[in-house]
PDB file of N, CA and C in Angstrom:
ATOM      1  N   UNK A   1       0.745  -1.335  -0.087  1.00  0.00           N
ATOM      2  CA  UNK A   1       0.153   0.300   0.194  1.00  0.00           C
ATOM      3  C   UNK A   1       0.959   1.177   0.085  1.00  0.00           C
ATOM      4  N   UNK A   2       0.752   2.458  -0.727  1.00  0.00           N
ATOM      5  CA  UNK A   2       1.235   3.739  -1.168  1.00  0.00           C
ATOM      6  C   UNK A   2       1.568   4.257   0.118  1.00  0.00           C
ATOM      7  N   UNK A   3       0.268   4.528   0.958  1.00  0.00           N
ATOM      8  CA  UNK A   3      -0.183   5.591   1.688  1.00  0.00           C
ATOM      9  C   UNK A   3      -0.264   6.868   1.231  1.00  0.00           C
ATOM     10  N   UNK A   4      -0.201   7.101   0.338  1.00  0.00           N
ATOM     11  CA  UNK A   4      -1.102   8.460  -0.044  1.00  0.00           C
ATOM     12  C   UNK A   4      -2.626   8.818  -0.079  1.00  0.00           C
ATOM     13  N   UNK A   5      -3.119   7.875   0.586  1.00  0.00           N
ATOM     14  CA  UNK A   5      -4.670   8.364   1.031  1.00  0.00           C
ATOM     15  C   UNK A   5      -4.361   8.669   2.033  1.00  0.00           C
ATOM     16  N   UNK A   6      -3.934   8.629   2.728  1.00  0.00           N
ATOM     17  CA  UNK A   6      -2.893   9.062   4.558  1.00  0.00           C
ATOM     18  C   UNK A   6      -2.299  10.256   4.511  1.00  0.00           C
ATOM     19  N   UNK A   7      -2.117  11.003   3.439  1.00  0.00           N
ATOM     20  CA  UNK A   7      -1.598  12.417   2.991  1.00  0.00           C
ATOM     21  C   UNK A   7      -1.916  13.359   3.818  1.00  0.00           C
ATOM     22  N   UNK A   8      -3.218  13.656   3.718  1.00  0.00           N
ATOM     23  CA  UNK A   8      -3.879  14.740   4.643  1.00  0.00           C
ATOM     24  C   UNK A   8      -4.442  15.606   3.471  1.00  0.00           C
ATOM     25  N   UNK A   9      -4.472  15.404   1.890  1.00  0.00           N
ATOM     26  CA  UNK A   9      -4.908  16.407   1.090  1.00  0.00           C
ATOM     27  C   UNK A   9      -4.001  17.871   0.794  1.00  0.00           C
ATOM     28  N   UNK A  10      -4.505  18.795   0.661  1.00  0.00           N
ATOM     29  CA  UNK A  10      -4.191  20.228   0.407  1.00  0.00           C
ATOM     30  C   UNK A  10      -3.430  20.640   1.837  1.00  0.00           C
ATOM     31  N   UNK A  11      -2.559  21.088   2.377  1.00  0.00           N
ATOM     32  CA  UNK A  11      -1.833  21.349   3.286  1.00  0.00           C
ATOM     33  C   UNK A  11      -2.445  22.872   3.579  1.00  0.00           C
ATOM     34  N   UNK A  12      -2.491  23.556   1.981  1.00  0.00           N
ATOM     35  CA  UNK A  12      -2.571  24.978   2.335  1.00  0.00           C
ATOM     36  C   UNK A  12      -4.329  25.543   1.956  1.00  0.00           C
ATOM     37  N   UNK A  13      -4.792  24.373   2.044  1.00  0.00           N
ATOM     38  CA  UNK A  13      -6.529  24.912   2.042  1.00  0.00           C
ATOM     39  C   UNK A  13      -7.119  25.427   3.032  1.00  0.00           C
ATOM     40  N   UNK A  14      -7.511  26.541   2.715  1.00  0.00           N
ATOM     41  CA  UNK A  14      -8.348  27.397   3.396  1.00  0.00           C
ATOM     42  C   UNK A  14      -7.366  28.600   3.690  1.00  0.00           C
ATOM     43  N   UNK A  15      -5.828  28.266   3.580  1.00  0.00           N
ATOM     44  CA  UNK A  15      -4.847  29.526   4.135  1.00  0.00           C
ATOM     45  C   UNK A  15      -4.165  30.175   3.219  1.00  0.00           C
ATOM     46  N   UNK A  16      -4.858  29.615   1.911  1.00  0.00           N
ATOM     47  CA  UNK A  16      -3.862  30.259   0.483  1.00  0.00           C
ATOM     48  C   UNK A  16      -4.236  31.491   0.160  1.00  0.00           C
ATOM     49  N   UNK A  17      -3.701  32.754  -0.264  1.00  0.00           N
ATOM     50  CA  UNK A  17      -4.261  33.852  -0.542  1.00  0.00           C
ATOM     51  C   UNK A  17      -3.827  35.062   0.788  1.00  0.00           C
ATOM     52  N   UNK A  18      -4.237  36.085   0.458  1.00  0.00           N
ATOM     53  CA  UNK A  18      -4.486  37.267   1.307  1.00  0.00           C
ATOM     54  C   UNK A  18      -5.190  36.863   2.521  1.00  0.00           C
ATOM     55  N   UNK A  19      -4.627  37.862   3.091  1.00  0.00           N
ATOM     56  CA  UNK A  19      -4.905  37.329   4.764  1.00  0.00           C
ATOM     57  C   UNK A  19      -6.312  38.182   4.691  1.00  0.00           C
ATOM     58  N   UNK A  20      -7.507  37.514   5.611  1.00  0.00           N
ATOM     59  CA  UNK A  20      -8.554  38.388   5.148  1.00  0.00           C
ATOM     60  C   UNK A  20      -8.573  39.968   5.954  1.00  0.00           C
ATOM     61  N   UNK A  21      -8.883  41.079   5.642  1.00  0.00           N
ATOM     62  CA  UNK A  21      -9.079  42.544   5.717  1.00  0.00           C
ATOM     63  C   UNK A  21      -9.135  42.448   7.499  1.00  0.00           C
ATOM     64  N   UNK A  22     -10.084  41.799   7.996  1.00  0.00           N
ATOM     65  CA  UNK A  22     -10.373  42.351   9.319  1.00  0.00           C
ATOM     66  C   UNK A  22      -9.141  41.342  10.111  1.00  0.00           C
ATOM     67  N   UNK A  23      -8.688  40.551   9.875  1.00  0.00           N
ATOM     68  CA  UNK A  23      -7.205  40.112  10.781  1.00  0.00           C
ATOM     69  C   UNK A  23      -6.042  40.919  10.010  1.00  0.00           C
ATOM     70  N   UNK A  24      -5.913  41.505   8.946  1.00  0.00           N
ATOM     71  CA  UNK A  24      -5.087  42.732   8.537  1.00  0.00           C
ATOM     72  C   UNK A  24      -4.970  44.479  10.166  1.00  0.00           C
ATOM     73  N   UNK A  25      -6.246  44.425   9.756  1.00  0.00           N
ATOM     74  CA  UNK A  25      -6.983  45.519  10.718  1.00  0.00           C
ATOM     75  C   UNK A  25      -6.787  44.996  12.278  1.00  0.00           C
ATOM     76  N   UNK A  26      -6.862  43.923  12.318  1.00  0.00           N
ATOM     77  CA  UNK A  26      -6.568  43.193  13.972  1.00  0.00           C
ATOM     78  C   UNK A  26      -5.180  43.613  14.390  1.00  0.00           C
ATOM     79  N   UNK A  27      -4.288  43.063  13.700  1.00  0.00           N
ATOM     80  CA  UNK A  27      -3.184  42.925  14.019  1.00  0.00           C
ATOM     81  C   UNK A  27      -2.139  44.655  13.613  1.00  0.00           C
ATOM     82  N   UNK A  28      -3.152  45.038  12.798  1.00  0.00           N
ATOM     83  CA  UNK A  28      -2.439  47.002  12.351  1.00  0.00           C
ATOM     84  C   UNK A  28      -3.034  47.516  13.908  1.00  0.00           C
ATOM     85  N   UNK A  29      -3.892  47.465  14.170  1.00  0.00           N
ATOM     86  CA  UNK A  29      -4.440  47.987  16.018  1.00  0.00           C
ATOM     87  C   UNK A  29      -3.447  47.955  16.835  1.00  0.00           C
ATOM     88  N   UNK A  30      -3.160  46.060  17.125  1.00  0.00           N
ATOM     89  CA  UNK A  30      -2.040  45.298  18.152  1.00  0.00           C
ATOM     90  C   UNK A  30      -0.956  46.139  17.786  1.00  0.00           C
ATOM     91  N   UNK A  31      -0.540  46.409  16.717  1.00  0.00           N
ATOM     92  CA  UNK A  31       1.092  47.061  16.425  1.00  0.00           C
ATOM     93  C   UNK A  31       0.691  48.637  17.174  1.00  0.00           C
ATOM     94  N   UNK A  32      -0.341  49.098  16.547  1.00  0.00           N
ATOM     95  CA  UNK A  32      -0.542  50.817  16.863  1.00  0.00           C
ATOM     96  C   UNK A  32      -0.586  50.479  18.400  1.00  0.00           C
ATOM     97  N   UNK A  33      -1.413  49.908  19.006  1.00  0.00           N
ATOM     98  CA  UNK A  33      -1.358  50.049  20.715  1.00  0.00           C
ATOM     99  C   UNK A  33       0.297  49.734  21.345  1.00  0.00           C
ATOM    100  N   UNK A  34       0.613  48.684  20.574  1.00  0.00           N
ATOM    101  CA  UNK A  34       2.142  48.130  21.053  1.00  0.00           C
ATOM    102  C   UNK A  34       3.052  49.444  20.947  1.00  0.00           C
ATOM    103  N   UNK A  35       3.236  50.064  20.164  1.00  0.00           N
ATOM    104  CA  UNK A  35       3.311  51.249  19.913  1.00  0.00           C
ATOM    105  C   UNK A  35       3.504  52.406  20.584  1.00  0.00           C
ATOM    106  N   UNK A  36       2.437  52.526  21.027  1.00  0.00           N
ATOM    107  CA  UNK A  36       1.508  53.776  21.707  1.00  0.00           C
ATOM    108  C   UNK A  36       2.022  53.511  23.404  1.00  0.00           C
ATOM    109  N   UNK A  37       2.197  51.749  23.619  1.00  0.00           N
ATOM    110  CA  UNK A  37       2.418  51.801  25.217  1.00  0.00           C
ATOM    111  C   UNK A  37       3.991  51.956  25.395  1.00  0.00           C
ATOM    112  N   UNK A  38       4.369  50.809  24.838  1.00  0.00           N
ATOM    113  CA  UNK A  38       5.978  51.310  24.664  1.00  0.00           C
ATOM    114  C   UNK A  38       6.954  52.860  24.838  1.00  0.00           C
ATOM    115  N   UNK A  39       6.143  53.394  23.804  1.00  0.00           N
ATOM    116  CA  UNK A  39       6.862  54.698  23.231  1.00  0.00           C
ATOM    117  C   UNK A  39       6.199  56.065  23.681  1.00  0.00           C
ATOM    118  N   UNK A  40       4.810  55.551  23.983  1.00  0.00           N
ATOM    119  CA  UNK A  40       3.749  56.975  24.454  1.00  0.00           C
ATOM    120  C   UNK A  40       2.957  57.384  22.996  1.00  0.00           C
ATOM    121  N   UNK A  41       3.834  57.107  21.571  1.00  0.00           N
ATOM    122  CA  UNK A  41       2.894  57.690  20.592  1.00  0.00           C
ATOM    123  C   UNK A  41       3.337  56.618  19.488  1.00  0.00           C
ATOM    124  N   UNK A  42       3.298  57.092  18.146  1.00  0.00           N
ATOM    125  CA  UNK A  42       3.352  55.825  17.087  1.00  0.00           C
ATOM    126  C   UNK A  42       4.221  57.809  16.891  1.00  0.00           C
ATOM    127  N   UNK A  43       4.210  58.498  16.715  1.00  0.00           N
ATOM    128  CA  UNK A  43       5.707  59.743  16.319  1.00  0.00           C
ATOM    129  C   UNK A  43       7.000  59.213  17.580  1.00  0.00           C
ATOM    130  N   UNK A  44       6.811  59.114  18.431  1.00  0.00           N
ATOM    131  CA  UNK A  44       7.584  59.325  19.051  1.00  0.00           C
ATOM    132  C   UNK A  44       8.155  57.954  19.093  1.00  0.00           C
ATOM    133  N   UNK A  45       7.819  56.691  18.240  1.00  0.00           N
ATOM    134  CA  UNK A  45       7.699  55.221  17.795  1.00  0.00           C
ATOM    135  C   UNK A  45       8.972  55.280  16.697  1.00  0.00           C
ATOM    136  N   UNK A  46       8.440  56.422  15.650  1.00  0.00           N
ATOM    137  CA  UNK A  46       9.700  56.305  14.672  1.00  0.00           C
ATOM    138  C   UNK A  46      10.365  57.858  14.747  1.00  0.00           C
ATOM    139  N   UNK A  47      10.299  58.596  16.302  1.00  0.00           N
ATOM    140  CA  UNK A  47      11.789  59.191  16.359  1.00  0.00           C
ATOM    141  C   UNK A  47      12.148  58.549  16.556  1.00  0.00           C
ATOM    142  N   UNK A  48      11.989  57.332  17.757  1.00  0.00           N
ATOM    143  CA  UNK A  48      13.634  56.642  18.009  1.00  0.00           C
ATOM    144  C   UNK A  48      13.672  55.782  16.603  1.00  0.00           C
ATOM    145  N   UNK A  49      13.194  55.280  15.711  1.00  0.00           N
ATOM    146  CA  UNK A  49      13.857  54.759  15.106  1.00  0.00           C
ATOM    147  C   UNK A  49      14.464  55.379  14.082  1.00  0.00           C
ATOM    148  N   UNK A  50      14.340  56.536  13.929  1.00  0.00           N
ATOM    149  CA  UNK A  50      15.266  57.621  13.455  1.00  0.00           C
ATOM    150  C   UNK A  50      16.259  57.916  14.102  1.00  0.00           C
ATOM    151  N   UNK A  51      16.294  57.803  15.359  1.00  0.00           N
ATOM    152  CA  UNK A  51      17.838  57.858  16.340  1.00  0.00           C
ATOM    153  C   UNK A  51      18.558  56.848  15.588  1.00  0.00           C
ATOM    154  N   UNK A  52      17.843  55.639  16.273  1.00  0.00           N
ATOM    155  CA  UNK A  52      18.640  54.204  15.607  1.00  0.00           C
ATOM    156  C   UNK A  52      19.462  54.030  14.269  1.00  0.00           C
ATOM    157  N   UNK A  53      18.609  55.117  13.626  1.00  0.00           N
ATOM    158  CA  UNK A  53      18.818  55.108  12.291  1.00  0.00           C
ATOM    159  C   UNK A  53      20.548  55.922  11.798  1.00  0.00           C
ATOM    160  N   UNK A  54      20.465  56.887  12.813  1.00  0.00           N
ATOM    161  CA  UNK A  54      22.108  57.263  12.152  1.00  0.00           C
ATOM    162  C   UNK A  54      23.466  56.274  12.815  1.00  0.00           C
ATOM    163  N   UNK A  55      22.966  55.100  13.253  1.00  0.00           N
ATOM    164  CA  UNK A  55      23.816  54.330  13.222  1.00  0.00           C
ATOM    165  C   UNK A  55      23.460  53.026  12.567  1.00  0.00           C
ATOM    166  N   UNK A  56      22.766  52.863  12.063  1.00  0.00           N
ATOM    167  CA  UNK A  56      22.083  51.461  11.766  1.00  0.00           C
ATOM    168  C   UNK A  56      21.665  51.429  10.210  1.00  0.00           C
ATOM    169  N   UNK A  57      21.781  50.387   8.912  1.00  0.00           N
ATOM    170  CA  UNK A  57      21.430  51.157   8.188  1.00  0.00           C
ATOM    171  C   UNK A  57      19.984  50.438   8.058  1.00  0.00           C
ATOM    172  N   UNK A  58      20.062  48.870   8.424  1.00  0.00           N
ATOM    173  CA  UNK A  58      18.001  48.809   8.734  1.00  0.00           C
ATOM    174  C   UNK A  58      17.466  49.507   9.197  1.00  0.00           C
ATOM    175  N   UNK A  59      17.646  50.186   9.632  1.00  0.00           N
ATOM    176  CA  UNK A  59      16.751  51.059  10.599  1.00  0.00           C
ATOM    177  C   UNK A  59      16.563  52.066   9.696  1.00  0.00           C
ATOM    178  N   UNK A  60      17.727  52.913   8.885  1.00  0.00           N
ATOM    179  CA  UNK A  60      17.169  54.201   8.113  1.00  0.00           C
ATOM    180  C   UNK A  60      16.714  53.313   6.593  1.00  0.00           C
ATOM    181  N   UNK A  61      16.936  52.454   6.687  1.00  0.00           N
ATOM    182  CA  UNK A  61      16.250  51.706   5.459  1.00  0.00           C
ATOM    183  C   UNK A  61      14.469  51.574   5.859  1.00  0.00           C
ATOM    184  N   UNK A  62      14.407  51.364   6.998  1.00  0.00           N
ATOM    185  CA  UNK A  62      12.855  50.775   7.392  1.00  0.00           C
ATOM    186  C   UNK A  62      12.447  52.328   7.335  1.00  0.00           C
ATOM    187  N   UNK A  63      13.161  53.214   8.139  1.00  0.00           N
ATOM    188  CA  UNK A  63      12.011  55.070   8.044  1.00  0.00           C
ATOM    189  C   UNK A  63      12.127  55.036   6.849  1.00  0.00           C
ATOM    190  N   UNK A  64      13.127  55.005   5.433  1.00  0.00           N
ATOM    191  CA  UNK A  64      12.807  55.539   4.223  1.00  0.00           C
ATOM    192  C   UNK A  64      11.702  54.902   3.578  1.00  0.00           C
ATOM    193  N   UNK A  65      11.621  53.454   3.860  1.00  0.00           N
ATOM    194  CA  UNK A  65      10.465  52.818   3.070  1.00  0.00           C
ATOM    195  C   UNK A  65       9.005  53.116   3.814  1.00  0.00           C
ATOM    196  N   UNK A  66       8.769  53.800   4.601  1.00  0.00           N
ATOM    197  CA  UNK A  66       7.779  54.162   5.247  1.00  0.00           C
ATOM    198  C   UNK A  66       7.532  55.797   4.630  1.00  0.00           C
ATOM    199  N   UNK A  67       8.502  56.046   4.656  1.00  0.00           N
ATOM    200  CA  UNK A  67       8.457  57.915   4.651  1.00  0.00           C
ATOM    201  C   UNK A  67       7.753  58.048   2.771  1.00  0.00           C
ATOM    202  N   UNK A  68       8.843  57.471   2.026  1.00  0.00           N
ATOM    203  CA  UNK A  68       8.969  57.776   0.609  1.00  0.00           C
ATOM    204  C   UNK A  68       7.990  56.193   0.235  1.00  0.00           C
ATOM    205  N   UNK A  69       8.124  55.232   0.965  1.00  0.00           N
ATOM    206  CA  UNK A  69       7.728  54.026  -0.108  1.00  0.00           C
ATOM    207  C   UNK A  69       8.539  53.039  -0.783  1.00  0.00           C
ATOM    208  N   UNK A  70       8.594  51.815  -0.390  1.00  0.00           N
ATOM    209  CA  UNK A  70       9.273  50.812  -1.083  1.00  0.00           C
ATOM    210  C   UNK A  70       9.966  51.135  -2.085  1.00  0.00           C
ATOM    211  N   UNK A  71      11.043  51.218  -3.383  1.00  0.00           N
ATOM    212  CA  UNK A  71      11.547  51.804  -4.282  1.00  0.00           C
ATOM    213  C   UNK A  71      10.499  49.988  -5.610  1.00  0.00           C
ATOM    214  N   UNK A  72      10.824  50.434  -6.401  1.00  0.00           N
ATOM    215  CA  UNK A  72      10.289  49.703  -7.321  1.00  0.00           C
ATOM    216  C   UNK A  72      11.168  48.198  -7.589  1.00  0.00           C
ATOM    217  N   UNK A  73      10.688  47.235  -7.491  1.00  0.00           N
ATOM    218  CA  UNK A  73      11.306  46.020  -7.731  1.00  0.00           C
ATOM    219  C   UNK A  73      11.598  45.563  -9.163  1.00  0.00           C
ATOM    220  N   UNK A  74      12.703  45.661  -9.501  1.00  0.00           N
ATOM    221  CA  UNK A  74      13.407  44.580 -10.986  1.00  0.00           C
ATOM    222  C   UNK A  74      13.921  43.802 -10.698  1.00  0.00           C
ATOM    223  N   UNK A  75      13.368  43.186 -12.211  1.00  0.00           N
ATOM    224  CA  UNK A  75      13.950  41.944 -12.169  1.00  0.00           C
ATOM    225  C   UNK A  75      14.956  42.113 -13.190  1.00  0.00           C
ATOM    226  N   UNK A  76      15.990  41.444 -13.878  1.00  0.00           N
ATOM    227  CA  UNK A  76      16.548  41.561 -14.866  1.00  0.00           C
ATOM    228  C   UNK A  76      16.700  40.044 -15.340  1.00  0.00           C
ATOM    229  N   UNK A  77      15.748  40.070 -16.491  1.00  0.00           N
ATOM    230  CA  UNK A  77      15.568  38.504 -17.412  1.00  0.00           C
ATOM    231  C   UNK A  77      16.143  38.694 -18.079  1.00  0.00           C
ATOM    232  N   UNK A  78      17.639  37.255 -18.570  1.00  0.00           N
ATOM    233  CA  UNK A  78      18.041  36.827 -19.687  1.00  0.00           C
ATOM    234  C   UNK A  78      17.351  35.751 -20.260  1.00  0.00           C
ATOM    235  N   UNK A  79      16.735  36.107 -21.743  1.00  0.00           N
ATOM    236  CA  UNK A  79      16.731  35.374 -22.476  1.00  0.00           C
ATOM    237  C   UNK A  79      17.472  34.356 -23.256  1.00  0.00           C
ATOM    238  N   UNK A  80      17.877  33.338 -23.389  1.00  0.00           N
ATOM    239  CA  UNK A  80      18.797  32.871 -24.377  1.00  0.00           C
ATOM    240  C   UNK A  80      18.185  32.413 -25.776  1.00  0.00           C
ATOM    241  N   UNK A  81      18.816  32.608 -26.783  1.00  0.00           N
ATOM    242  CA  UNK A  81      18.151  32.244 -27.935  1.00  0.00           C
ATOM    243  C   UNK A  81      18.966  30.244 -28.400  1.00  0.00           C
ATOM    244  N   UNK A  82      18.372  29.487 -28.640  1.00  0.00           N
ATOM    245  CA  UNK A  82      18.909  28.522 -28.687  1.00  0.00           C
ATOM    246  C   UNK A  82      19.714  28.640 -30.434  1.00  0.00           C
ATOM    247  N   UNK A  83      20.980  28.282 -30.218  1.00  0.00           N
ATOM    248  CA  UNK A  83      21.490  28.527 -31.726  1.00  0.00           C
ATOM    249  C   UNK A  83      21.639  26.609 -31.946  1.00  0.00           C
ATOM    250  N   UNK A  84      21.960  27.071 -33.547  1.00  0.00           N
ATOM    251  CA  UNK A  84      22.096  25.277 -34.192  1.00  0.00           C
ATOM    252  C   UNK A  84      23.537  24.720 -34.073  1.00  0.00           C
ATOM    253  N   UNK A  85      24.020  24.186 -33.686  1.00  0.00           N
ATOM    254  CA  UNK A  85      25.151  23.346 -33.407  1.00  0.00           C
ATOM    255  C   UNK A  85      25.876  23.897 -34.019  1.00  0.00           C
ATOM    256  N   UNK A  86      25.549  23.685 -35.547  1.00  0.00           N
ATOM    257  CA  UNK A  86      26.572  23.618 -36.919  1.00  0.00           C
ATOM    258  C   UNK A  86      25.204  24.181 -37.551  1.00  0.00           C
ATOM    259  N   UNK A  87      25.918  25.291 -38.220  1.00  0.00           N
ATOM    260  CA  UNK A  87      25.127  25.701 -39.427  1.00  0.00           C
ATOM    261  C   UNK A  87      25.200  24.944 -40.739  1.00  0.00           C
ATOM    262  N   UNK A  88      24.422  24.657 -41.815  1.00  0.00           N
ATOM    263  CA  UNK A  88      23.939  24.058 -42.504  1.00  0.00           C
ATOM    264  C   UNK A  88      25.306  23.555 -43.659  1.00  0.00           C
ATOM    265  N   UNK A  89      25.552  24.437 -43.843  1.00  0.00           N
ATOM    266  CA  UNK A  89      26.806  24.677 -44.507  1.00  0.00           C
ATOM    267  C   UNK A  89      28.056  23.875 -44.219  1.00  0.00           C
ATOM    268  N   UNK A  90      28.175  24.214 -43.500  1.00  0.00           N
ATOM    269  CA  UNK A  90      29.907  23.981 -42.153  1.00  0.00           C
ATOM    270  C   UNK A  90      29.500  22.718 -41.394  1.00  0.00           C
ATOM    271  N   UNK A  91      28.461  21.794 -41.312  1.00  0.00           N
ATOM    272  CA  UNK A  91      28.696  20.548 -41.039  1.00  0.00           C
ATOM    273  C   UNK A  91      29.833  19.355 -41.351  1.00  0.00           C
ATOM    274  N   UNK A  92      30.239  19.314 -40.377  1.00  0.00           N
ATOM    275  CA  UNK A  92      31.434  18.335 -41.109  1.00  0.00           C
ATOM    276  C   UNK A  92      31.285  16.884 -41.459  1.00  0.00           C
ATOM    277  N   UNK A  93      30.627  16.778 -42.783  1.00  0.00           N
ATOM    278  CA  UNK A  93      30.330  15.518 -43.269  1.00  0.00           C
ATOM    279  C   UNK A  93      31.388  14.586 -43.432  1.00  0.00           C
ATOM    280  N   UNK A  94      32.494  15.516 -43.756  1.00  0.00           N
ATOM    281  CA  UNK A  94      33.950  14.416 -44.533  1.00  0.00           C
ATOM    282  C   UNK A  94      34.509  13.833 -42.577  1.00  0.00           C
ATOM    283  N   UNK A  95      33.775  14.211 -42.273  1.00  0.00           N
ATOM    284  CA  UNK A  95      34.957  13.458 -40.492  1.00  0.00           C
ATOM    285  C   UNK A  95      33.774  12.616 -39.955  1.00  0.00           C
ATOM    286  N   UNK A  96      32.711  12.149 -40.895  1.00  0.00           N
ATOM    287  CA  UNK A  96      32.067  11.218 -40.253  1.00  0.00           C
ATOM    288  C   UNK A  96      31.846   9.860 -40.924  1.00  0.00           C
ATOM    289  N   UNK A  97      32.187   8.278 -40.350  1.00  0.00           N
ATOM    290  CA  UNK A  97      32.187   7.329 -41.149  1.00  0.00           C
ATOM    291  C   UNK A  97      31.161   7.321 -42.401  1.00  0.00           C
ATOM    292  N   UNK A  98      31.610   6.105 -42.996  1.00  0.00           N
ATOM    293  CA  UNK A  98      30.585   5.989 -44.144  1.00  0.00           C
ATOM    294  C   UNK A  98      29.255   5.001 -43.498  1.00  0.00           C
ATOM    295  N   UNK A  99      28.989   4.308 -42.286  1.00  0.00           N
ATOM    296  CA  UNK A  99      27.755   4.277 -41.307  1.00  0.00           C
ATOM    297  C   UNK A  99      27.103   5.380 -41.314  1.00  0.00           C
ATOM    298  N   UNK A 100      28.087   6.167 -40.315  1.00  0.00           N
ATOM    299  CA  UNK A 100      26.801   7.293 -40.250  1.00  0.00           C
ATOM    300  C   UNK A 100      26.241   8.342 -41.331  1.00  0.00           C
ATOM    301  N   UNK A 101      26.934   8.284 -42.551  1.00  0.00           N
ATOM    302  CA  UNK A 101      26.737   8.704 -43.274  1.00  0.00           C
ATOM    303  C   UNK A 101      25.136   8.247 -43.951  1.00  0.00           C
ATOM    304  N   UNK A 102      25.682   6.855 -44.586  1.00  0.00           N
ATOM    305  CA  UNK A 102      24.754   5.725 -44.697  1.00  0.00           C
ATOM    306  C   UNK A 102      23.342   6.301 -43.947  1.00  0.00           C
ATOM    307  N   UNK A 103      23.504   5.820 -42.228  1.00  0.00           N
ATOM    308  CA  UNK A 103      22.375   6.269 -41.629  1.00  0.00           C
ATOM    309  C   UNK A 103      21.456   7.719 -41.546  1.00  0.00           C
ATOM    310  N   UNK A 104      22.467   8.522 -41.875  1.00  0.00           N
ATOM    311  CA  UNK A 104      21.800  10.099 -42.088  1.00  0.00           C
ATOM    312  C   UNK A 104      20.744  10.157 -43.252  1.00  0.00           C
ATOM    313  N   UNK A 105      21.705   9.286 -44.353  1.00  0.00           N
ATOM    314  CA  UNK A 105      20.732   8.947 -46.074  1.00  0.00           C
ATOM    315  C   UNK A 105      19.381   8.267 -45.789  1.00  0.00           C
ATOM    316  N   UNK A 106      19.512   7.719 -45.101  1.00  0.00           N
ATOM    317  CA  UNK A 106      18.156   6.406 -44.728  1.00  0.00           C
ATOM    318  C   UNK A 106      16.859   7.245 -43.790  1.00  0.00           C
ATOM    319  N   UNK A 107      17.801   8.258 -43.169  1.00  0.00           N
ATOM    320  CA  UNK A 107      16.932   8.952 -42.402  1.00  0.00           C
ATOM    321  C   UNK A 107      15.984  10.023 -43.095  1.00  0.00           C
ATOM    322  N   UNK A 108      16.772  10.803 -44.026  1.00  0.00           N
ATOM    323  CA  UNK A 108      16.700  11.693 -44.733  1.00  0.00           C
ATOM    324  C   UNK A 108      15.695  11.264 -45.697  1.00  0.00           C
ATOM    325  N   UNK A 109      15.732  10.100 -46.234  1.00  0.00           N
ATOM    326  CA  UNK A 109      14.950   9.177 -47.154  1.00  0.00           C
ATOM    327  C   UNK A 109      13.540   8.792 -46.465  1.00  0.00           C
ATOM    328  N   UNK A 110      13.608   8.733 -44.855  1.00  0.00           N
ATOM    329  CA  UNK A 110      12.641   8.042 -44.831  1.00  0.00           C
ATOM    330  C   UNK A 110      11.396   9.511 -45.008  1.00  0.00           C
ATOM    331  N   UNK A 111      12.005  10.875 -43.953  1.00  0.00           N
ATOM    332  CA  UNK A 111      11.734  11.880 -43.891  1.00  0.00           C
ATOM    333  C   UNK A 111      11.319  12.226 -45.286  1.00  0.00           C
ATOM    334  N   UNK A 112      11.511  12.171 -46.306  1.00  0.00           N
ATOM    335  CA  UNK A 112      11.646  12.615 -47.591  1.00  0.00           C
ATOM    336  C   UNK A 112      10.139  12.234 -48.360  1.00  0.00           C
ATOM    337  N   UNK A 113       9.792  10.550 -47.967  1.00  0.00           N
ATOM    338  CA  UNK A 113       9.063   9.452 -47.946  1.00  0.00           C
ATOM    339  C   UNK A 113       7.167   9.756 -47.270  1.00  0.00           C
ATOM    340  N   UNK A 114       7.840  10.353 -46.159  1.00  0.00           N
ATOM    341  CA  UNK A 114       6.007  10.117 -45.359  1.00  0.00           C
ATOM    342  C   UNK A 114       5.896  11.608 -45.905  1.00  0.00           C
ATOM    343  N   UNK A 115       6.598  12.737 -46.464  1.00  0.00           N
ATOM    344  CA  UNK A 115       6.232  13.737 -46.797  1.00  0.00           C
ATOM    345  C   UNK A 115       5.572  13.777 -47.671  1.00  0.00           C
TER     346      UNK A 115
END
C-alpha cells in the first residue's frame, strides 16, 4: 500500500492567498497599541527609529521605506536564444564514418517519403 490516501490532502487548504481584511486591521491595531504603550505615541516610535538610523542601515532603510515607499523591484531576465550546433553549410560531413553517413541518408529518405 502506498499511503497516499493518508497524506491529508492540500496542506494550504483554506489558508492560501491574502489574509482577510479584518485580520489585517486587527494586527494593525495591535501594532499601533503596542507602539503607543512602549513609546507613548506613533510619532515617538518613529523618532526612536530615526535615532537608531544614525548608526544602523536597516533602521534607516525601514524609515525611508515608510516615508517614501518601497522602491520598485526590478528583475533582469536574460533569455537565451537557441543556436544550432552546426550551420548547415559547415557541418563536418567529411569527418563522419561511412556507416554514419548511410544512417543519415536513410533517415533523410524516410522523412522525404513520409512527406
